[in-house]
Amino acid sequence: PADEADMVDNMRKRWEALCEKAKVTDRSLGRVKKQFTLVTQGQVSEFQKEVAEMHEEYMLRGPGTGAVELDRGLEMMSEYTKKLATMNATREELGEALKLFGLPIVAYPQLSEVDHSLKELASIYDLYGEFVERREEWAATLWADLEMSTMEKGMEELDGRLKKMPKVTKQLRPFKKVEEASAAFTASLPLIQNLKN
């Protein structure tokens, strides 16, 4: 058709005009791009400080330290997981901005370290969370309805899962605490049996 033939004939001129317009626009936005580049670099610098502070706090007072009680550690796992997700989203946004302005991408190894540590601790605290839920469920059961065999099997299963954990996980401080809590509850089962009788 004539209108398409006209478009084909004028395509080169239109393309060259578009390229020229893009160059002019790019030059006119030069100052604005510089300002945004400086703003982005400032945001990256601030974010690096935030990451360093969070990392230091995590290493000194996080859920993997020996000073934290298990129940508080369970809460902290959730808090740090949310905080890490927010920080990873910010990292992605800043990465996109750096790419847009042709700046080098910044790595945040401290975020990766916290992420790795949380993943290692997750198996321990997940197991502890299950233990707490079962203990609370059993505590809310009437003496007459309490099945000792169910409790014993439940604790055997949790204890078996504890023993099957990798050596690396067993060396983490919270592991010992979970092991002690499990052993203490298992040791109290004969007393519960006597009280039930």
N, C-alpha and C. Protein backbone atom coordinates (compact mmCIF):
# COMPACT_ATOMS: atom_id res chain seq x y z
N PRO A 1 0.84 -1.21 0.00
CA PRO A 1 0.00 0.00 0.00
C PRO A 1 0.87 1.26 0.00
N ALA A 2 0.30 2.34 -0.53
CA ALA A 2 1.06 3.59 -0.72
C ALA A 2 1.57 4.16 0.61
N ASP A 3 0.72 4.10 1.67
CA ASP A 3 1.15 4.69 2.94
C ASP A 3 2.33 3.92 3.55
N GLU A 4 2.34 2.58 3.38
CA GLU A 4 3.46 1.78 3.88
C GLU A 4 4.71 2.00 3.02
N ALA A 5 4.52 2.14 1.70
CA ALA A 5 5.65 2.40 0.80
C ALA A 5 6.29 3.74 1.17
N ASP A 6 5.47 4.73 1.53
CA ASP A 6 5.97 6.04 1.93
C ASP A 6 6.78 5.92 3.24
N MET A 7 6.27 5.10 4.17
CA MET A 7 6.98 4.88 5.44
C MET A 7 8.34 4.23 5.18
N VAL A 8 8.37 3.26 4.26
CA VAL A 8 9.63 2.57 3.93
C VAL A 8 10.61 3.54 3.30
N ASP A 9 10.13 4.37 2.38
CA ASP A 9 11.01 5.33 1.70
C ASP A 9 11.61 6.34 2.67
N ASN A 10 10.84 6.74 3.68
CA ASN A 10 11.29 7.77 4.62
C ASN A 10 11.91 7.21 5.91
N MET A 11 12.06 5.88 5.97
CA MET A 11 12.54 5.25 7.21
C MET A 11 13.93 5.74 7.60
N ARG A 12 14.87 5.80 6.64
CA ARG A 12 16.24 6.22 6.96
C ARG A 12 16.25 7.65 7.53
N LYS A 13 15.50 8.57 6.87
CA LYS A 13 15.45 9.96 7.33
C LYS A 13 14.87 10.05 8.73
N ARG A 14 13.81 9.29 8.96
CA ARG A 14 13.15 9.30 10.28
C ARG A 14 14.08 8.74 11.34
N TRP A 15 14.80 7.67 10.99
CA TRP A 15 15.75 7.05 11.93
C TRP A 15 16.87 8.04 12.28
N GLU A 16 17.42 8.71 11.29
CA GLU A 16 18.49 9.68 11.53
C GLU A 16 17.98 10.85 12.37
N ALA A 17 16.75 11.29 12.12
CA ALA A 17 16.16 12.38 12.90
C ALA A 17 15.98 11.94 14.36
N LEU A 18 15.55 10.69 14.55
CA LEU A 18 15.37 10.16 15.91
C LEU A 18 16.71 10.09 16.64
N CYS A 19 17.75 9.61 15.96
CA CYS A 19 19.09 9.52 16.56
C CYS A 19 19.60 10.91 16.94
N GLU A 20 19.39 11.89 16.06
CA GLU A 20 19.84 13.26 16.34
C GLU A 20 19.09 13.84 17.54
N LYS A 21 17.78 13.56 17.60
CA LYS A 21 16.97 14.05 18.71
C LYS A 21 17.44 13.41 20.03
N ALA A 22 17.79 12.13 19.98
CA ALA A 22 18.29 11.43 21.16
C ALA A 22 19.60 12.04 21.66
N LYS A 23 20.50 12.37 20.72
CA LYS A 23 21.78 12.99 21.08
C LYS A 23 21.56 14.36 21.72
N VAL A 24 20.67 15.17 21.13
CA VAL A 24 20.37 16.50 21.67
C VAL A 24 19.77 16.37 23.08
N THR A 25 18.84 15.44 23.24
CA THR A 25 18.20 15.23 24.55
C THR A 25 19.23 14.77 25.58
N ASP A 26 20.13 13.87 25.16
CA ASP A 26 21.17 13.37 26.06
C ASP A 26 22.07 14.50 26.52
N ARG A 27 22.45 15.39 25.57
CA ARG A 27 23.30 16.54 25.93
C ARG A 27 22.57 17.49 26.87
N SER A 28 21.29 17.73 26.60
CA SER A 28 20.52 18.66 27.43
C SER A 28 20.30 18.10 28.84
N LEU A 29 20.30 16.79 28.98
CA LEU A 29 20.11 16.16 30.29
C LEU A 29 21.43 15.92 31.02
N GLY A 30 22.53 16.37 30.44
CA GLY A 30 23.86 16.12 31.03
C GLY A 30 23.96 16.59 32.46
N ARG A 31 23.52 17.85 32.74
CA ARG A 31 23.59 18.39 34.10
C ARG A 31 22.69 17.60 35.05
N VAL A 32 21.49 17.29 34.57
CA VAL A 32 20.54 16.53 35.40
C VAL A 32 21.10 15.15 35.73
N LYS A 33 21.72 14.50 34.72
CA LYS A 33 22.31 13.18 34.95
C LYS A 33 23.42 13.26 35.99
N LYS A 34 24.22 14.34 35.92
CA LYS A 34 25.30 14.50 36.90
C LYS A 34 24.73 14.63 38.31
N GLN A 35 23.66 15.41 38.43
CA GLN A 35 23.03 15.58 39.75
C GLN A 35 22.50 14.25 40.27
N PHE A 36 21.80 13.52 39.41
CA PHE A 36 21.26 12.22 39.82
C PHE A 36 22.38 11.23 40.14
N THR A 37 23.48 11.31 39.40
CA THR A 37 24.63 10.44 39.67
C THR A 37 25.18 10.72 41.06
N LEU A 38 25.31 12.00 41.41
CA LEU A 38 25.80 12.37 42.74
C LEU A 38 24.84 11.90 43.83
N VAL A 39 23.54 12.07 43.59
CA VAL A 39 22.52 11.64 44.55
C VAL A 39 22.62 10.13 44.75
N THR A 40 22.74 9.39 43.64
CA THR A 40 22.83 7.93 43.72
C THR A 40 24.08 7.50 44.47
N GLN A 41 25.21 8.15 44.20
CA GLN A 41 26.44 7.81 44.90
C GLN A 41 26.30 8.08 46.41
N GLY A 42 25.60 9.16 46.74
CA GLY A 42 25.34 9.48 48.16
C GLY A 42 24.48 8.42 48.81
N GLN A 43 23.44 7.97 48.07
CA GLN A 43 22.56 6.92 48.60
C GLN A 43 23.32 5.61 48.81
N VAL A 44 24.21 5.28 47.87
CA VAL A 44 25.02 4.07 48.00
C VAL A 44 25.91 4.16 49.23
N SER A 45 26.53 5.32 49.43
CA SER A 45 27.40 5.54 50.58
C SER A 45 26.63 5.38 51.89
N GLU A 46 25.43 5.96 51.96
CA GLU A 46 24.57 5.85 53.15
C GLU A 46 24.17 4.39 53.39
N PHE A 47 23.83 3.72 52.30
CA PHE A 47 23.40 2.33 52.42
C PHE A 47 24.55 1.44 52.91
N GLN A 48 25.77 1.73 52.45
CA GLN A 48 26.92 0.96 52.91
C GLN A 48 27.09 1.11 54.42
N LYS A 49 26.86 2.33 54.93
CA LYS A 49 26.94 2.55 56.39
C LYS A 49 25.86 1.74 57.11
N GLU A 50 24.63 1.78 56.58
CA GLU A 50 23.51 1.03 57.17
C GLU A 50 23.84 -0.46 57.23
N VAL A 51 24.37 -0.98 56.12
CA VAL A 51 24.72 -2.41 56.05
C VAL A 51 25.79 -2.74 57.08
N ALA A 52 26.81 -1.89 57.19
CA ALA A 52 27.89 -2.12 58.15
C ALA A 52 27.36 -2.12 59.59
N GLU A 53 26.45 -1.18 59.90
CA GLU A 53 25.87 -1.11 61.24
C GLU A 53 25.02 -2.34 61.54
N MET A 54 24.20 -2.75 60.58
CA MET A 54 23.35 -3.93 60.78
C MET A 54 24.22 -5.17 60.96
N HIS A 55 25.27 -5.29 60.17
CA HIS A 55 26.18 -6.45 60.25
C HIS A 55 26.85 -6.51 61.62
N GLU A 56 27.34 -5.36 62.09
CA GLU A 56 28.01 -5.32 63.39
C GLU A 56 27.04 -5.70 64.51
N GLU A 57 25.82 -5.14 64.45
CA GLU A 57 24.79 -5.45 65.45
C GLU A 57 24.46 -6.94 65.43
N TYR A 58 24.33 -7.50 64.22
CA TYR A 58 24.00 -8.92 64.08
C TYR A 58 25.10 -9.80 64.68
N MET A 59 26.35 -9.45 64.40
CA MET A 59 27.47 -10.26 64.89
C MET A 59 27.63 -10.17 66.41
N LEU A 60 27.32 -9.01 66.97
CA LEU A 60 27.49 -8.83 68.42
C LEU A 60 26.28 -9.30 69.22
N ARG A 61 25.06 -9.04 68.70
CA ARG A 61 23.86 -9.34 69.49
C ARG A 61 22.80 -10.12 68.73
N GLY A 62 23.17 -10.75 67.64
CA GLY A 62 22.20 -11.47 66.80
C GLY A 62 21.80 -12.82 67.38
N PRO A 63 20.93 -13.54 66.68
CA PRO A 63 20.42 -14.82 67.18
C PRO A 63 21.47 -15.94 67.23
N GLY A 64 22.63 -15.71 66.62
CA GLY A 64 23.67 -16.74 66.62
C GLY A 64 24.65 -16.62 67.76
N THR A 65 24.50 -15.56 68.57
CA THR A 65 25.43 -15.37 69.68
C THR A 65 25.01 -16.22 70.87
N GLY A 66 25.95 -16.52 71.71
CA GLY A 66 25.66 -17.38 72.87
C GLY A 66 24.84 -16.68 73.94
N ALA A 67 24.84 -15.35 73.97
CA ALA A 67 24.16 -14.60 75.03
C ALA A 67 22.64 -14.57 74.86
N VAL A 68 22.14 -14.88 73.68
CA VAL A 68 20.70 -14.77 73.39
C VAL A 68 19.95 -16.02 73.83
N GLU A 69 18.85 -15.80 74.56
CA GLU A 69 17.98 -16.92 74.94
C GLU A 69 17.23 -17.41 73.70
N LEU A 70 16.85 -18.67 73.69
CA LEU A 70 16.24 -19.26 72.49
C LEU A 70 14.95 -18.57 72.06
N ASP A 71 14.09 -18.23 73.03
CA ASP A 71 12.82 -17.58 72.66
C ASP A 71 13.07 -16.22 72.01
N ARG A 72 14.01 -15.47 72.57
CA ARG A 72 14.37 -14.17 71.99
C ARG A 72 15.03 -14.38 70.63
N GLY A 73 15.86 -15.42 70.53
CA GLY A 73 16.51 -15.74 69.26
C GLY A 73 15.51 -16.04 68.16
N LEU A 74 14.43 -16.73 68.53
CA LEU A 74 13.36 -17.05 67.58
C LEU A 74 12.73 -15.77 67.04
N GLU A 75 12.49 -14.80 67.94
CA GLU A 75 11.93 -13.50 67.52
C GLU A 75 12.93 -12.76 66.61
N MET A 76 14.20 -12.81 67.01
CA MET A 76 15.24 -12.10 66.25
C MET A 76 15.40 -12.67 64.85
N MET A 77 15.22 -13.97 64.71
CA MET A 77 15.31 -14.58 63.38
C MET A 77 14.29 -13.93 62.44
N SER A 78 13.08 -13.76 62.94
CA SER A 78 12.03 -13.13 62.13
C SER A 78 12.38 -11.67 61.84
N GLU A 79 12.85 -10.95 62.85
CA GLU A 79 13.20 -9.54 62.68
C GLU A 79 14.31 -9.36 61.65
N TYR A 80 15.37 -10.16 61.78
CA TYR A 80 16.50 -10.02 60.86
C TYR A 80 16.15 -10.49 59.45
N THR A 81 15.28 -11.48 59.33
CA THR A 81 14.86 -11.94 58.01
C THR A 81 14.12 -10.82 57.28
N LYS A 82 13.23 -10.12 58.00
CA LYS A 82 12.49 -9.00 57.40
C LYS A 82 13.44 -7.86 57.04
N LYS A 83 14.35 -7.54 57.97
CA LYS A 83 15.31 -6.46 57.75
C LYS A 83 16.18 -6.77 56.54
N LEU A 84 16.61 -8.02 56.43
CA LEU A 84 17.47 -8.43 55.31
C LEU A 84 16.71 -8.34 53.99
N ALA A 85 15.44 -8.73 53.98
CA ALA A 85 14.63 -8.65 52.76
C ALA A 85 14.50 -7.19 52.30
N THR A 86 14.27 -6.28 53.25
CA THR A 86 14.17 -4.85 52.93
C THR A 86 15.48 -4.33 52.37
N MET A 87 16.59 -4.72 53.01
CA MET A 87 17.91 -4.25 52.57
C MET A 87 18.27 -4.82 51.19
N ASN A 88 17.88 -6.06 50.93
CA ASN A 88 18.14 -6.64 49.61
C ASN A 88 17.34 -5.92 48.52
N ALA A 89 16.12 -5.50 48.86
CA ALA A 89 15.31 -4.75 47.90
C ALA A 89 15.98 -3.40 47.60
N THR A 90 16.50 -2.74 48.64
CA THR A 90 17.21 -1.47 48.46
C THR A 90 18.47 -1.68 47.63
N ARG A 91 19.18 -2.76 47.89
CA ARG A 91 20.39 -3.08 47.13
C ARG A 91 20.06 -3.24 45.65
N GLU A 92 18.95 -3.91 45.34
CA GLU A 92 18.53 -4.10 43.94
C GLU A 92 18.21 -2.76 43.29
N GLU A 93 17.48 -1.90 44.02
CA GLU A 93 17.11 -0.58 43.47
C GLU A 93 18.35 0.25 43.19
N LEU A 94 19.29 0.25 44.14
CA LEU A 94 20.52 1.02 43.95
C LEU A 94 21.35 0.45 42.80
N GLY A 95 21.35 -0.87 42.66
CA GLY A 95 22.07 -1.52 41.55
C GLY A 95 21.52 -1.08 40.21
N GLU A 96 20.18 -1.00 40.11
CA GLU A 96 19.55 -0.54 38.87
C GLU A 96 19.91 0.91 38.57
N ALA A 97 19.93 1.74 39.62
CA ALA A 97 20.28 3.16 39.43
C ALA A 97 21.74 3.29 38.99
N LEU A 98 22.63 2.50 39.59
CA LEU A 98 24.04 2.55 39.20
C LEU A 98 24.22 2.14 37.74
N LYS A 99 23.49 1.10 37.34
CA LYS A 99 23.55 0.64 35.94
C LYS A 99 23.06 1.73 35.00
N LEU A 100 21.98 2.38 35.39
CA LEU A 100 21.36 3.42 34.57
C LEU A 100 22.33 4.57 34.29
N PHE A 101 23.13 4.92 35.29
CA PHE A 101 24.06 6.03 35.12
C PHE A 101 25.46 5.58 34.74
N GLY A 102 25.62 4.31 34.43
CA GLY A 102 26.91 3.80 33.97
C GLY A 102 27.98 3.76 35.06
N LEU A 103 27.55 3.65 36.30
CA LEU A 103 28.49 3.58 37.42
C LEU A 103 28.79 2.11 37.76
N PRO A 104 29.95 1.85 38.37
CA PRO A 104 30.27 0.46 38.72
C PRO A 104 29.32 -0.07 39.82
N ILE A 105 28.94 -1.32 39.69
CA ILE A 105 28.04 -1.96 40.66
C ILE A 105 28.81 -2.19 41.96
N VAL A 106 28.17 -1.91 43.09
CA VAL A 106 28.79 -2.06 44.40
C VAL A 106 28.35 -3.39 45.01
N ALA A 107 29.32 -4.13 45.56
CA ALA A 107 29.02 -5.40 46.23
C ALA A 107 28.85 -5.14 47.73
N TYR A 108 28.02 -5.93 48.35
CA TYR A 108 27.78 -5.82 49.79
C TYR A 108 28.02 -7.18 50.43
N PRO A 109 29.28 -7.56 50.65
CA PRO A 109 29.57 -8.89 51.21
C PRO A 109 28.99 -9.10 52.60
N GLN A 110 28.81 -8.01 53.36
CA GLN A 110 28.27 -8.15 54.71
C GLN A 110 26.81 -8.62 54.67
N LEU A 111 26.05 -8.17 53.66
CA LEU A 111 24.66 -8.65 53.50
C LEU A 111 24.65 -10.14 53.22
N SER A 112 25.57 -10.58 52.35
CA SER A 112 25.66 -12.00 52.01
C SER A 112 26.03 -12.83 53.23
N GLU A 113 26.91 -12.28 54.06
CA GLU A 113 27.34 -13.00 55.27
C GLU A 113 26.18 -13.19 56.24
N VAL A 114 25.39 -12.12 56.44
CA VAL A 114 24.22 -12.21 57.33
C VAL A 114 23.20 -13.18 56.76
N ASP A 115 22.97 -13.12 55.46
CA ASP A 115 22.04 -14.02 54.78
C ASP A 115 22.45 -15.48 54.97
N HIS A 116 23.74 -15.76 54.77
CA HIS A 116 24.26 -17.12 54.93
C HIS A 116 24.10 -17.60 56.38
N SER A 117 24.41 -16.72 57.32
CA SER A 117 24.29 -17.07 58.73
C SER A 117 22.84 -17.36 59.11
N LEU A 118 21.91 -16.54 58.63
CA LEU A 118 20.49 -16.76 58.92
C LEU A 118 20.00 -18.10 58.37
N LYS A 119 20.48 -18.45 57.17
CA LYS A 119 20.09 -19.73 56.58
C LYS A 119 20.61 -20.90 57.40
N GLU A 120 21.84 -20.77 57.92
CA GLU A 120 22.40 -21.83 58.77
C GLU A 120 21.61 -21.97 60.07
N LEU A 121 21.26 -20.83 60.66
CA LEU A 121 20.54 -20.84 61.94
C LEU A 121 19.07 -21.26 61.79
N ALA A 122 18.53 -21.08 60.59
CA ALA A 122 17.09 -21.34 60.37
C ALA A 122 16.71 -22.77 60.75
N SER A 123 17.54 -23.75 60.38
CA SER A 123 17.18 -25.14 60.68
C SER A 123 17.10 -25.39 62.19
N ILE A 124 18.00 -24.74 62.95
CA ILE A 124 18.00 -24.90 64.41
C ILE A 124 16.76 -24.24 65.01
N TYR A 125 16.54 -22.98 64.63
CA TYR A 125 15.41 -22.25 65.22
C TYR A 125 14.06 -22.77 64.73
N ASP A 126 13.98 -23.30 63.52
CA ASP A 126 12.73 -23.91 63.05
C ASP A 126 12.39 -25.12 63.92
N LEU A 127 13.41 -25.91 64.21
CA LEU A 127 13.21 -27.10 65.06
C LEU A 127 12.81 -26.66 66.46
N TYR A 128 13.47 -25.64 66.98
CA TYR A 128 13.12 -25.14 68.31
C TYR A 128 11.68 -24.61 68.32
N GLY A 129 11.28 -23.91 67.26
CA GLY A 129 9.91 -23.41 67.15
C GLY A 129 8.90 -24.54 67.21
N GLU A 130 9.19 -25.64 66.52
CA GLU A 130 8.31 -26.82 66.57
C GLU A 130 8.23 -27.39 67.97
N PHE A 131 9.40 -27.45 68.63
CA PHE A 131 9.46 -27.97 70.00
C PHE A 131 8.59 -27.13 70.93
N VAL A 132 8.68 -25.80 70.82
CA VAL A 132 7.89 -24.89 71.65
C VAL A 132 6.40 -25.09 71.39
N GLU A 133 6.03 -25.21 70.11
CA GLU A 133 4.61 -25.41 69.76
C GLU A 133 4.08 -26.70 70.37
N ARG A 134 4.85 -27.78 70.24
CA ARG A 134 4.40 -29.07 70.80
C ARG A 134 4.29 -29.00 72.31
N ARG A 135 5.29 -28.38 72.94
CA ARG A 135 5.29 -28.28 74.41
C ARG A 135 4.07 -27.50 74.88
N GLU A 136 3.74 -26.40 74.17
CA GLU A 136 2.57 -25.60 74.54
C GLU A 136 1.27 -26.37 74.31
N GLU A 137 1.25 -27.14 73.22
CA GLU A 137 0.07 -27.96 72.92
C GLU A 137 -0.14 -29.01 74.01
N TRP A 138 0.96 -29.66 74.41
CA TRP A 138 0.87 -30.67 75.47
C TRP A 138 0.51 -30.03 76.81
N ALA A 139 1.01 -28.83 77.06
CA ALA A 139 0.73 -28.14 78.32
C ALA A 139 -0.75 -27.75 78.42
N ALA A 140 -1.38 -27.53 77.27
CA ALA A 140 -2.80 -27.13 77.27
C ALA A 140 -3.74 -28.34 77.30
N THR A 141 -3.18 -29.55 77.23
CA THR A 141 -3.99 -30.77 77.21
C THR A 141 -4.36 -31.17 78.64
N LEU A 142 -5.58 -31.60 78.84
CA LEU A 142 -6.01 -32.07 80.17
C LEU A 142 -5.22 -33.33 80.54
N TRP A 143 -4.97 -33.50 81.84
CA TRP A 143 -4.22 -34.68 82.31
C TRP A 143 -4.86 -35.98 81.81
N ALA A 144 -6.17 -36.02 81.85
CA ALA A 144 -6.88 -37.25 81.46
C ALA A 144 -6.67 -37.57 79.98
N ASP A 145 -6.51 -36.53 79.15
CA ASP A 145 -6.36 -36.72 77.70
C ASP A 145 -4.90 -36.82 77.25
N LEU A 146 -3.99 -36.60 78.18
CA LEU A 146 -2.57 -36.58 77.83
C LEU A 146 -2.05 -37.97 77.51
N GLU A 147 -1.53 -38.15 76.32
CA GLU A 147 -0.98 -39.44 75.88
C GLU A 147 0.54 -39.40 76.02
N MET A 148 1.08 -40.15 76.94
CA MET A 148 2.52 -40.16 77.17
C MET A 148 3.27 -40.71 75.95
N SER A 149 2.69 -41.71 75.29
CA SER A 149 3.36 -42.29 74.12
C SER A 149 3.51 -41.26 73.00
N THR A 150 2.49 -40.38 72.84
CA THR A 150 2.56 -39.33 71.83
C THR A 150 3.69 -38.36 72.15
N MET A 151 3.81 -37.99 73.42
CA MET A 151 4.87 -37.07 73.84
C MET A 151 6.24 -37.71 73.63
N GLU A 152 6.36 -38.98 74.02
CA GLU A 152 7.65 -39.67 73.88
C GLU A 152 8.05 -39.79 72.41
N LYS A 153 7.09 -40.16 71.56
CA LYS A 153 7.39 -40.28 70.13
C LYS A 153 7.75 -38.92 69.53
N GLY A 154 7.02 -37.90 69.94
CA GLY A 154 7.29 -36.54 69.46
C GLY A 154 8.69 -36.09 69.82
N MET A 155 9.11 -36.35 71.04
CA MET A 155 10.44 -35.94 71.49
C MET A 155 11.53 -36.80 70.82
N GLU A 156 11.23 -38.08 70.61
CA GLU A 156 12.20 -38.95 69.90
C GLU A 156 12.42 -38.45 68.48
N GLU A 157 11.32 -38.03 67.84
CA GLU A 157 11.42 -37.55 66.45
C GLU A 157 12.23 -36.25 66.40
N LEU A 158 11.96 -35.32 67.32
CA LEU A 158 12.72 -34.06 67.36
C LEU A 158 14.19 -34.33 67.68
N ASP A 159 14.43 -35.23 68.62
CA ASP A 159 15.80 -35.57 69.00
C ASP A 159 16.54 -36.20 67.82
N GLY A 160 15.85 -37.06 67.07
CA GLY A 160 16.45 -37.69 65.89
C GLY A 160 16.82 -36.66 64.84
N ARG A 161 15.95 -35.67 64.64
CA ARG A 161 16.25 -34.61 63.67
C ARG A 161 17.43 -33.75 64.13
N LEU A 162 17.53 -33.54 65.43
CA LEU A 162 18.67 -32.80 65.98
C LEU A 162 19.98 -33.53 65.68
N LYS A 163 19.97 -34.84 65.90
CA LYS A 163 21.18 -35.64 65.70
C LYS A 163 21.59 -35.74 64.23
N LYS A 164 20.61 -35.61 63.32
CA LYS A 164 20.91 -35.72 61.89
C LYS A 164 21.42 -34.42 61.27
N MET A 165 21.44 -33.37 62.05
CA MET A 165 21.89 -32.08 61.49
C MET A 165 23.37 -32.14 61.14
N PRO A 166 23.79 -31.38 60.13
CA PRO A 166 25.20 -31.39 59.70
C PRO A 166 26.14 -30.91 60.82
N LYS A 167 27.40 -31.32 60.71
CA LYS A 167 28.40 -30.96 61.72
C LYS A 167 28.54 -29.45 61.86
N VAL A 168 28.49 -28.75 60.73
CA VAL A 168 28.63 -27.29 60.75
C VAL A 168 27.53 -26.67 61.61
N THR A 169 26.31 -27.17 61.47
CA THR A 169 25.18 -26.66 62.23
C THR A 169 25.34 -27.00 63.71
N LYS A 170 25.85 -28.18 64.00
CA LYS A 170 26.02 -28.60 65.40
C LYS A 170 27.04 -27.76 66.14
N GLN A 171 27.92 -27.07 65.40
CA GLN A 171 28.94 -26.24 66.04
C GLN A 171 28.41 -24.84 66.38
N LEU A 172 27.23 -24.50 65.90
CA LEU A 172 26.66 -23.18 66.19
C LEU A 172 26.15 -23.14 67.64
N ARG A 173 26.30 -21.99 68.28
CA ARG A 173 25.95 -21.86 69.70
C ARG A 173 24.50 -22.21 70.02
N PRO A 174 23.52 -21.74 69.24
CA PRO A 174 22.13 -22.08 69.58
C PRO A 174 21.83 -23.58 69.55
N PHE A 175 22.61 -24.34 68.76
CA PHE A 175 22.37 -25.78 68.68
C PHE A 175 22.48 -26.42 70.06
N LYS A 176 23.51 -26.05 70.80
CA LYS A 176 23.73 -26.62 72.14
C LYS A 176 22.55 -26.31 73.05
N LYS A 177 22.04 -25.08 72.95
CA LYS A 177 20.91 -24.68 73.79
C LYS A 177 19.65 -25.47 73.45
N VAL A 178 19.41 -25.68 72.14
CA VAL A 178 18.24 -26.46 71.73
C VAL A 178 18.39 -27.91 72.20
N GLU A 179 19.59 -28.43 72.08
CA GLU A 179 19.87 -29.80 72.53
C GLU A 179 19.61 -29.93 74.03
N GLU A 180 20.07 -28.94 74.79
CA GLU A 180 19.87 -28.95 76.25
C GLU A 180 18.39 -28.85 76.61
N ALA A 181 17.66 -27.97 75.90
CA ALA A 181 16.22 -27.81 76.17
C ALA A 181 15.47 -29.10 75.86
N SER A 182 15.83 -29.74 74.77
CA SER A 182 15.19 -31.00 74.38
C SER A 182 15.50 -32.09 75.41
N ALA A 183 16.77 -32.18 75.81
CA ALA A 183 17.18 -33.20 76.79
C ALA A 183 16.49 -32.98 78.13
N ALA A 184 16.37 -31.72 78.55
CA ALA A 184 15.72 -31.41 79.83
C ALA A 184 14.25 -31.81 79.80
N PHE A 185 13.58 -31.52 78.67
CA PHE A 185 12.16 -31.89 78.59
C PHE A 185 12.00 -33.40 78.55
N THR A 186 12.85 -34.07 77.79
CA THR A 186 12.79 -35.54 77.71
C THR A 186 13.02 -36.15 79.09
N ALA A 187 13.96 -35.57 79.85
CA ALA A 187 14.25 -36.07 81.21
C ALA A 187 13.06 -35.87 82.15
N SER A 188 12.21 -34.88 81.85
CA SER A 188 11.05 -34.61 82.72
C SER A 188 9.85 -35.51 82.41
N LEU A 189 9.92 -36.26 81.31
CA LEU A 189 8.77 -37.11 80.93
C LEU A 189 8.40 -38.14 82.00
N PRO A 190 9.37 -38.83 82.64
CA PRO A 190 8.97 -39.77 83.71
C PRO A 190 8.25 -39.07 84.85
N LEU A 191 8.64 -37.85 85.20
CA LEU A 191 7.97 -37.09 86.24
C LEU A 191 6.54 -36.78 85.83
N ILE A 192 6.36 -36.38 84.55
CA ILE A 192 5.00 -36.10 84.04
C ILE A 192 4.17 -37.36 84.10
N GLN A 193 4.77 -38.50 83.77
CA GLN A 193 4.07 -39.81 83.83
C GLN A 193 3.61 -40.09 85.26
N ASN A 194 4.51 -39.84 86.23
CA ASN A 194 4.15 -40.07 87.65
C ASN A 194 3.04 -39.13 88.10
N LEU A 195 3.10 -37.86 87.70
CA LEU A 195 2.06 -36.91 88.05
C LEU A 195 0.73 -37.31 87.42
N LYS A 196 0.76 -37.79 86.21
CA LYS A 196 -0.45 -38.23 85.53
C LYS A 196 -1.07 -39.41 86.28
N ASN A 197 -0.22 -40.33 86.75
CA ASN A 197 -0.70 -41.48 87.50
C ASN A 197 -1.27 -41.05 88.85
